[in-house]
Amino acid sequence: FIQEAKLFAIPVLPVCVNKSEANFSLEIIGDIKCIRIGFRAIKNIGENVAIAIANERKANGVFKNLNDFLARIDSENINKKVIE
């Protein structure tokens, strides 16, 4: 699907803890429509973790740094592989 998007000159943006959703999503930068890769595309991140990260960010704003991220994400949803 990424190759298909590139054929149509649609930018594909990498996963970003402060911008990605659980799944692929549309992101508009200026006048350009882009596809943002979602958390679920990352190995070892399941649906529950992906949703928990996105929901926490929506509820309380962007993550300031790694410590902020770790403090705000429920330890039931996160493990060493997710952090890596």
PDB file of N, CA and C in Angstrom:
ATOM      1  N   PHE A   1       0.818  -1.201   0.000  1.00  0.00           N
ATOM      2  CA  PHE A   1       0.000   0.000   0.000  1.00  0.00           C
ATOM      3  C   PHE A   1       0.863   1.268   0.000  1.00  0.00           C
ATOM      4  N   ILE A   2       1.999   1.182   0.664  1.00  0.00           N
ATOM      5  CA  ILE A   2       2.905   2.338   0.703  1.00  0.00           C
ATOM      6  C   ILE A   2       3.438   2.621  -0.694  1.00  0.00           C
ATOM      7  N   GLN A   3       3.803   1.570  -1.424  1.00  0.00           N
ATOM      8  CA  GLN A   3       4.287   1.751  -2.802  1.00  0.00           C
ATOM      9  C   GLN A   3       3.198   2.366  -3.673  1.00  0.00           C
ATOM     10  N   GLU A   4       1.970   1.935  -3.470  1.00  0.00           N
ATOM     11  CA  GLU A   4       0.840   2.474  -4.229  1.00  0.00           C
ATOM     12  C   GLU A   4       0.678   3.971  -3.955  1.00  0.00           C
ATOM     13  N   ALA A   5       0.782   4.343  -2.691  1.00  0.00           N
ATOM     14  CA  ALA A   5       0.669   5.766  -2.335  1.00  0.00           C
ATOM     15  C   ALA A   5       1.777   6.568  -2.999  1.00  0.00           C
ATOM     16  N   LYS A   6       2.979   6.023  -3.004  1.00  0.00           N
ATOM     17  CA  LYS A   6       4.102   6.721  -3.634  1.00  0.00           C
ATOM     18  C   LYS A   6       3.895   6.872  -5.138  1.00  0.00           C
ATOM     19  N   LEU A   7       3.267   5.878  -5.785  1.00  0.00           N
ATOM     20  CA  LEU A   7       2.970   5.988  -7.211  1.00  0.00           C
ATOM     21  C   LEU A   7       2.049   7.169  -7.513  1.00  0.00           C
ATOM     22  N   PHE A   8       1.170   7.466  -6.556  1.00  0.00           N
ATOM     23  CA  PHE A   8       0.249   8.588  -6.711  1.00  0.00           C
ATOM     24  C   PHE A   8       0.780   9.861  -6.060  1.00  0.00           C
ATOM     25  N   ALA A   9       2.050   9.856  -5.709  1.00  0.00           N
ATOM     26  CA  ALA A   9       2.731  11.011  -5.102  1.00  0.00           C
ATOM     27  C   ALA A   9       2.067  11.450  -3.797  1.00  0.00           C
ATOM     28  N   ILE A  10       1.574  10.475  -3.035  1.00  0.00           N
ATOM     29  CA  ILE A  10       1.009  10.753  -1.713  1.00  0.00           C
ATOM     30  C   ILE A  10       2.104  10.489  -0.692  1.00  0.00           C
ATOM     31  N   PRO A  11       2.532  11.512   0.045  1.00  0.00           N
ATOM     32  CA  PRO A  11       3.588  11.298   1.039  1.00  0.00           C
ATOM     33  C   PRO A  11       3.140  10.344   2.142  1.00  0.00           C
ATOM     34  N   VAL A  12       4.044   9.468   2.546  1.00  0.00           N
ATOM     35  CA  VAL A  12       3.789   8.541   3.642  1.00  0.00           C
ATOM     36  C   VAL A  12       4.740   8.922   4.774  1.00  0.00           C
ATOM     37  N   LEU A  13       4.153   9.319   5.906  1.00  0.00           N
ATOM     38  CA  LEU A  13       4.925   9.797   7.044  1.00  0.00           C
ATOM     39  C   LEU A  13       5.169   8.679   8.047  1.00  0.00           C
ATOM     40  N   PRO A  14       6.317   8.685   8.722  1.00  0.00           N
ATOM     41  CA  PRO A  14       6.623   7.624   9.680  1.00  0.00           C
ATOM     42  C   PRO A  14       5.770   7.720  10.943  1.00  0.00           C
ATOM     43  N   VAL A  15       5.842   6.675  11.748  1.00  0.00           N
ATOM     44  CA  VAL A  15       5.149   6.659  13.034  1.00  0.00           C
ATOM     45  C   VAL A  15       5.719   7.766  13.915  1.00  0.00           C
ATOM     46  N   CYS A  16       4.836   8.450  14.619  1.00  0.00           N
ATOM     47  CA  CYS A  16       5.239   9.517  15.534  1.00  0.00           C
ATOM     48  C   CYS A  16       4.381   9.402  16.788  1.00  0.00           C
ATOM     49  N   VAL A  17       5.017   9.300  17.941  1.00  0.00           N
ATOM     50  CA  VAL A  17       4.274   9.121  19.186  1.00  0.00           C
ATOM     51  C   VAL A  17       3.305  10.273  19.443  1.00  0.00           C
ATOM     52  N   ASN A  18       3.583  11.439  18.908  1.00  0.00           N
ATOM     53  CA  ASN A  18       2.720  12.595  19.130  1.00  0.00           C
ATOM     54  C   ASN A  18       1.757  12.884  17.985  1.00  0.00           C
ATOM     55  N   LYS A  19       1.760  12.054  16.946  1.00  0.00           N
ATOM     56  CA  LYS A  19       0.861  12.311  15.821  1.00  0.00           C
ATOM     57  C   LYS A  19       0.136  11.079  15.306  1.00  0.00           C
ATOM     58  N   SER A  20       0.719   9.904  15.458  1.00  0.00           N
ATOM     59  CA  SER A  20       0.114   8.688  14.916  1.00  0.00           C
ATOM     60  C   SER A  20      -1.124   8.272  15.691  1.00  0.00           C
ATOM     61  N   GLU A  21      -2.006   7.587  14.982  1.00  0.00           N
ATOM     62  CA  GLU A  21      -3.179   6.951  15.585  1.00  0.00           C
ATOM     63  C   GLU A  21      -2.878   5.452  15.670  1.00  0.00           C
ATOM     64  N   ALA A  22      -3.827   4.676  16.130  1.00  0.00           N
ATOM     65  CA  ALA A  22      -3.619   3.234  16.204  1.00  0.00           C
ATOM     66  C   ALA A  22      -3.388   2.649  14.805  1.00  0.00           C
ATOM     67  N   ASN A  23      -4.154   3.106  13.834  1.00  0.00           N
ATOM     68  CA  ASN A  23      -4.040   2.632  12.450  1.00  0.00           C
ATOM     69  C   ASN A  23      -3.535   3.764  11.555  1.00  0.00           C
ATOM     70  N   PHE A  24      -3.361   3.480  10.297  1.00  0.00           N
ATOM     71  CA  PHE A  24      -2.972   4.511   9.338  1.00  0.00           C
ATOM     72  C   PHE A  24      -4.007   5.632   9.372  1.00  0.00           C
ATOM     73  N   SER A  25      -3.570   6.864   9.169  1.00  0.00           N
ATOM     74  CA  SER A  25      -4.508   7.990   9.210  1.00  0.00           C
ATOM     75  C   SER A  25      -4.104   9.059   8.200  1.00  0.00           C
ATOM     76  N   LEU A  26      -5.039   9.923   7.918  1.00  0.00           N
ATOM     77  CA  LEU A  26      -4.799  11.052   7.029  1.00  0.00           C
ATOM     78  C   LEU A  26      -4.247  12.206   7.851  1.00  0.00           C
ATOM     79  N   GLU A  27      -3.211  12.836   7.346  1.00  0.00           N
ATOM     80  CA  GLU A  27      -2.652  14.025   7.993  1.00  0.00           C
ATOM     81  C   GLU A  27      -2.461  15.086   6.912  1.00  0.00           C
ATOM     82  N   ILE A  28      -2.898  16.270   7.186  1.00  0.00           N
ATOM     83  CA  ILE A  28      -2.769  17.352   6.224  1.00  0.00           C
ATOM     84  C   ILE A  28      -1.708  18.321   6.717  1.00  0.00           C
ATOM     85  N   ILE A  29      -0.710  18.528   5.883  1.00  0.00           N
ATOM     86  CA  ILE A  29       0.372  19.457   6.186  1.00  0.00           C
ATOM     87  C   ILE A  29       0.313  20.553   5.135  1.00  0.00           C
ATOM     88  N   GLY A  30      -0.131  21.731   5.558  1.00  0.00           N
ATOM     89  CA  GLY A  30      -0.361  22.801   4.596  1.00  0.00           C
ATOM     90  C   GLY A  30      -1.504  22.385   3.686  1.00  0.00           C
ATOM     91  N   ASP A  31      -1.229  22.300   2.395  1.00  0.00           N
ATOM     92  CA  ASP A  31      -2.235  21.859   1.427  1.00  0.00           C
ATOM     93  C   ASP A  31      -2.012  20.414   0.980  1.00  0.00           C
ATOM     94  N   ILE A  32      -1.040  19.744   1.579  1.00  0.00           N
ATOM     95  CA  ILE A  32      -0.665  18.403   1.138  1.00  0.00           C
ATOM     96  C   ILE A  32      -1.307  17.351   2.045  1.00  0.00           C
ATOM     97  N   LYS A  33      -2.028  16.424   1.428  1.00  0.00           N
ATOM     98  CA  LYS A  33      -2.619  15.309   2.168  1.00  0.00           C
ATOM     99  C   LYS A  33      -1.597  14.180   2.233  1.00  0.00           C
ATOM    100  N   CYS A  34      -1.341  13.694   3.439  1.00  0.00           N
ATOM    101  CA  CYS A  34      -0.347  12.650   3.664  1.00  0.00           C
ATOM    102  C   CYS A  34      -0.976  11.482   4.407  1.00  0.00           C
ATOM    103  N   ILE A  35      -0.314  10.355   4.337  1.00  0.00           N
ATOM    104  CA  ILE A  35      -0.717   9.189   5.119  1.00  0.00           C
ATOM    105  C   ILE A  35       0.292   9.041   6.248  1.00  0.00           C
ATOM    106  N   ARG A  36      -0.208   8.973   7.477  1.00  0.00           N
ATOM    107  CA  ARG A  36       0.653   8.768   8.649  1.00  0.00           C
ATOM    108  C   ARG A  36       0.536   7.297   9.051  1.00  0.00           C
ATOM    109  N   ILE A  37       1.673   6.625   9.167  1.00  0.00           N
ATOM    110  CA  ILE A  37       1.683   5.228   9.580  1.00  0.00           C
ATOM    111  C   ILE A  37       1.248   5.143  11.039  1.00  0.00           C
ATOM    112  N   GLY A  38       0.399   4.173  11.340  1.00  0.00           N
ATOM    113  CA  GLY A  38      -0.129   3.999  12.689  1.00  0.00           C
ATOM    114  C   GLY A  38       0.727   3.089  13.551  1.00  0.00           C
ATOM    115  N   PHE A  39       0.480   3.144  14.848  1.00  0.00           N
ATOM    116  CA  PHE A  39       1.244   2.347  15.811  1.00  0.00           C
ATOM    117  C   PHE A  39       1.158   0.849  15.539  1.00  0.00           C
ATOM    118  N   ARG A  40       0.020   0.383  15.042  1.00  0.00           N
ATOM    119  CA  ARG A  40      -0.152  -1.054  14.838  1.00  0.00           C
ATOM    120  C   ARG A  40       0.762  -1.606  13.748  1.00  0.00           C
ATOM    121  N   ALA A  41       1.365  -0.744  12.968  1.00  0.00           N
ATOM    122  CA  ALA A  41       2.291  -1.199  11.934  1.00  0.00           C
ATOM    123  C   ALA A  41       3.649  -1.581  12.525  1.00  0.00           C
ATOM    124  N   ILE A  42       3.854  -1.262  13.796  1.00  0.00           N
ATOM    125  CA  ILE A  42       5.121  -1.560  14.462  1.00  0.00           C
ATOM    126  C   ILE A  42       5.040  -2.935  15.113  1.00  0.00           C
ATOM    127  N   LYS A  43       6.063  -3.728  14.894  1.00  0.00           N
ATOM    128  CA  LYS A  43       6.117  -5.063  15.491  1.00  0.00           C
ATOM    129  C   LYS A  43       6.055  -4.944  17.015  1.00  0.00           C
ATOM    130  N   ASN A  44       5.343  -5.848  17.651  1.00  0.00           N
ATOM    131  CA  ASN A  44       5.177  -5.945  19.109  1.00  0.00           C
ATOM    132  C   ASN A  44       4.222  -4.926  19.712  1.00  0.00           C
ATOM    133  N   ILE A  45       3.568  -4.121  18.891  1.00  0.00           N
ATOM    134  CA  ILE A  45       2.572  -3.200  19.426  1.00  0.00           C
ATOM    135  C   ILE A  45       1.207  -3.684  18.971  1.00  0.00           C
ATOM    136  N   GLY A  46       0.451  -4.166  19.928  1.00  0.00           N
ATOM    137  CA  GLY A  46      -0.878  -4.674  19.637  1.00  0.00           C
ATOM    138  C   GLY A  46      -1.917  -3.570  19.644  1.00  0.00           C
ATOM    139  N   GLU A  47      -3.139  -3.963  19.363  1.00  0.00           N
ATOM    140  CA  GLU A  47      -4.236  -3.004  19.265  1.00  0.00           C
ATOM    141  C   GLU A  47      -4.472  -2.262  20.575  1.00  0.00           C
ATOM    142  N   ASN A  48      -4.468  -2.974  21.704  1.00  0.00           N
ATOM    143  CA  ASN A  48      -4.729  -2.321  22.990  1.00  0.00           C
ATOM    144  C   ASN A  48      -3.691  -1.263  23.318  1.00  0.00           C
ATOM    145  N   VAL A  49      -2.425  -1.566  23.072  1.00  0.00           N
ATOM    146  CA  VAL A  49      -1.353  -0.603  23.337  1.00  0.00           C
ATOM    147  C   VAL A  49      -1.485   0.599  22.409  1.00  0.00           C
ATOM    148  N   ALA A  50      -1.720   0.334  21.142  1.00  0.00           N
ATOM    149  CA  ALA A  50      -1.855   1.417  20.157  1.00  0.00           C
ATOM    150  C   ALA A  50      -2.991   2.359  20.531  1.00  0.00           C
ATOM    151  N   ILE A  51      -4.115   1.805  20.919  1.00  0.00           N
ATOM    152  CA  ILE A  51      -5.262   2.622  21.307  1.00  0.00           C
ATOM    153  C   ILE A  51      -4.973   3.381  22.594  1.00  0.00           C
ATOM    154  N   ALA A  52      -4.312   2.729  23.558  1.00  0.00           N
ATOM    155  CA  ALA A  52      -3.989   3.390  24.832  1.00  0.00           C
ATOM    156  C   ALA A  52      -3.084   4.595  24.622  1.00  0.00           C
ATOM    157  N   ILE A  53      -2.087   4.469  23.766  1.00  0.00           N
ATOM    158  CA  ILE A  53      -1.171   5.583  23.494  1.00  0.00           C
ATOM    159  C   ILE A  53      -1.927   6.736  22.838  1.00  0.00           C
ATOM    160  N   ALA A  54      -2.692   6.428  21.809  1.00  0.00           N
ATOM    161  CA  ALA A  54      -3.440   7.475  21.100  1.00  0.00           C
ATOM    162  C   ALA A  54      -4.459   8.153  22.016  1.00  0.00           C
ATOM    163  N   ASN A  55      -5.171   7.374  22.830  1.00  0.00           N
ATOM    164  CA  ASN A  55      -6.166   7.950  23.732  1.00  0.00           C
ATOM    165  C   ASN A  55      -5.540   8.829  24.808  1.00  0.00           C
ATOM    166  N   GLU A  56      -4.415   8.403  25.352  1.00  0.00           N
ATOM    167  CA  GLU A  56      -3.731   9.212  26.376  1.00  0.00           C
ATOM    168  C   GLU A  56      -3.285  10.552  25.795  1.00  0.00           C
ATOM    169  N   ARG A  57      -2.745  10.515  24.598  1.00  0.00           N
ATOM    170  CA  ARG A  57      -2.299  11.751  23.958  1.00  0.00           C
ATOM    171  C   ARG A  57      -3.476  12.682  23.672  1.00  0.00           C
ATOM    172  N   LYS A  58      -4.587  12.123  23.216  1.00  0.00           N
ATOM    173  CA  LYS A  58      -5.774  12.936  22.946  1.00  0.00           C
ATOM    174  C   LYS A  58      -6.321  13.553  24.225  1.00  0.00           C
ATOM    175  N   ALA A  59      -6.305  12.800  25.311  1.00  0.00           N
ATOM    176  CA  ALA A  59      -6.874  13.266  26.577  1.00  0.00           C
ATOM    177  C   ALA A  59      -5.997  14.300  27.282  1.00  0.00           C
ATOM    178  N   ASN A  60      -4.670  14.143  27.192  1.00  0.00           N
ATOM    179  CA  ASN A  60      -3.779  14.976  28.006  1.00  0.00           C
ATOM    180  C   ASN A  60      -2.678  15.697  27.232  1.00  0.00           C
ATOM    181  N   GLY A  61      -2.769  15.714  25.926  1.00  0.00           N
ATOM    182  CA  GLY A  61      -1.799  16.462  25.127  1.00  0.00           C
ATOM    183  C   GLY A  61      -0.578  15.639  24.742  1.00  0.00           C
ATOM    184  N   VAL A  62       0.272  16.264  23.964  1.00  0.00           N
ATOM    185  CA  VAL A  62       1.459  15.579  23.435  1.00  0.00           C
ATOM    186  C   VAL A  62       2.395  15.164  24.564  1.00  0.00           C
ATOM    187  N   PHE A  63       3.187  14.149  24.272  1.00  0.00           N
ATOM    188  CA  PHE A  63       4.189  13.682  25.224  1.00  0.00           C
ATOM    189  C   PHE A  63       5.409  14.587  25.121  1.00  0.00           C
ATOM    190  N   LYS A  64       5.897  15.051  26.262  1.00  0.00           N
ATOM    191  CA  LYS A  64       7.019  15.999  26.281  1.00  0.00           C
ATOM    192  C   LYS A  64       8.358  15.301  26.088  1.00  0.00           C
ATOM    193  N   ASN A  65       8.478  14.096  26.619  1.00  0.00           N
ATOM    194  CA  ASN A  65       9.726  13.336  26.518  1.00  0.00           C
ATOM    195  C   ASN A  65       9.440  11.888  26.919  1.00  0.00           C
ATOM    196  N   LEU A  66      10.462  11.059  26.945  1.00  0.00           N
ATOM    197  CA  LEU A  66      10.284   9.649  27.265  1.00  0.00           C
ATOM    198  C   LEU A  66       9.746   9.467  28.682  1.00  0.00           C
ATOM    199  N   ASN A  67      10.253  10.221  29.635  1.00  0.00           N
ATOM    200  CA  ASN A  67       9.767  10.106  31.012  1.00  0.00           C
ATOM    201  C   ASN A  67       8.286  10.449  31.112  1.00  0.00           C
ATOM    202  N   ASP A  68       7.865  11.473  30.419  1.00  0.00           N
ATOM    203  CA  ASP A  68       6.452  11.856  30.398  1.00  0.00           C
ATOM    204  C   ASP A  68       5.618  10.724  29.804  1.00  0.00           C
ATOM    205  N   PHE A  69       6.092  10.152  28.725  1.00  0.00           N
ATOM    206  CA  PHE A  69       5.407   9.027  28.081  1.00  0.00           C
ATOM    207  C   PHE A  69       5.258   7.861  29.055  1.00  0.00           C
ATOM    208  N   LEU A  70       6.345   7.481  29.712  1.00  0.00           N
ATOM    209  CA  LEU A  70       6.323   6.347  30.628  1.00  0.00           C
ATOM    210  C   LEU A  70       5.420   6.599  31.829  1.00  0.00           C
ATOM    211  N   ALA A  71       5.388   7.818  32.309  1.00  0.00           N
ATOM    212  CA  ALA A  71       4.554   8.154  33.464  1.00  0.00           C
ATOM    213  C   ALA A  71       3.062   8.121  33.115  1.00  0.00           C
ATOM    214  N   ARG A  72       2.730   8.451  31.896  1.00  0.00           N
ATOM    215  CA  ARG A  72       1.331   8.589  31.506  1.00  0.00           C
ATOM    216  C   ARG A  72       0.699   7.330  30.940  1.00  0.00           C
ATOM    217  N   ILE A  73       1.485   6.407  30.440  1.00  0.00           N
ATOM    218  CA  ILE A  73       0.931   5.182  29.858  1.00  0.00           C
ATOM    219  C   ILE A  73       0.829   4.115  30.949  1.00  0.00           C
ATOM    220  N   ASP A  74      -0.329   3.499  31.057  1.00  0.00           N
ATOM    221  CA  ASP A  74      -0.592   2.475  32.064  1.00  0.00           C
ATOM    222  C   ASP A  74       0.378   1.301  31.882  1.00  0.00           C
ATOM    223  N   SER A  75       1.001   0.874  32.969  1.00  0.00           N
ATOM    224  CA  SER A  75       1.993  -0.199  32.900  1.00  0.00           C
ATOM    225  C   SER A  75       1.392  -1.528  32.432  1.00  0.00           C
ATOM    226  N   GLU A  76       0.080  -1.679  32.504  1.00  0.00           N
ATOM    227  CA  GLU A  76      -0.555  -2.888  31.980  1.00  0.00           C
ATOM    228  C   GLU A  76      -0.495  -2.925  30.459  1.00  0.00           C
ATOM    229  N   ASN A  77      -0.393  -1.757  29.840  1.00  0.00           N
ATOM    230  CA  ASN A  77      -0.404  -1.674  28.380  1.00  0.00           C
ATOM    231  C   ASN A  77       0.984  -1.652  27.762  1.00  0.00           C
ATOM    232  N   ILE A  78       2.001  -1.511  28.569  1.00  0.00           N
ATOM    233  CA  ILE A  78       3.325  -1.277  28.005  1.00  0.00           C
ATOM    234  C   ILE A  78       4.336  -2.254  28.602  1.00  0.00           C
ATOM    235  N   ASN A  79       5.263  -2.692  27.780  1.00  0.00           N
ATOM    236  CA  ASN A  79       6.345  -3.559  28.260  1.00  0.00           C
ATOM    237  C   ASN A  79       7.635  -3.161  27.548  1.00  0.00           C
ATOM    238  N   LYS A  80       8.695  -3.863  27.823  1.00  0.00           N
ATOM    239  CA  LYS A  80       9.998  -3.526  27.273  1.00  0.00           C
ATOM    240  C   LYS A  80       9.999  -3.524  25.738  1.00  0.00           C
ATOM    241  N   LYS A  81       9.327  -4.493  25.130  1.00  0.00           N
ATOM    242  CA  LYS A  81       9.306  -4.570  23.670  1.00  0.00           C
ATOM    243  C   LYS A  81       8.592  -3.372  23.058  1.00  0.00           C
ATOM    244  N   VAL A  82       7.547  -2.903  23.707  1.00  0.00           N
ATOM    245  CA  VAL A  82       6.823  -1.727  23.211  1.00  0.00           C
ATOM    246  C   VAL A  82       7.741  -0.514  23.268  1.00  0.00           C
ATOM    247  N   ILE A  83       8.454  -0.344  24.366  1.00  0.00           N
ATOM    248  CA  ILE A  83       9.368   0.798  24.520  1.00  0.00           C
ATOM    249  C   ILE A  83      10.472   0.750  23.470  1.00  0.00           C
ATOM    250  N   GLU A  84      11.018  -0.425  23.244  1.00  0.00           N
ATOM    251  CA  GLU A  84      12.078  -0.563  22.232  1.00  0.00           C
ATOM    252  C   GLU A  84      11.556  -0.172  20.877  1.00  0.00           C
TER     253      GLU A  84
END
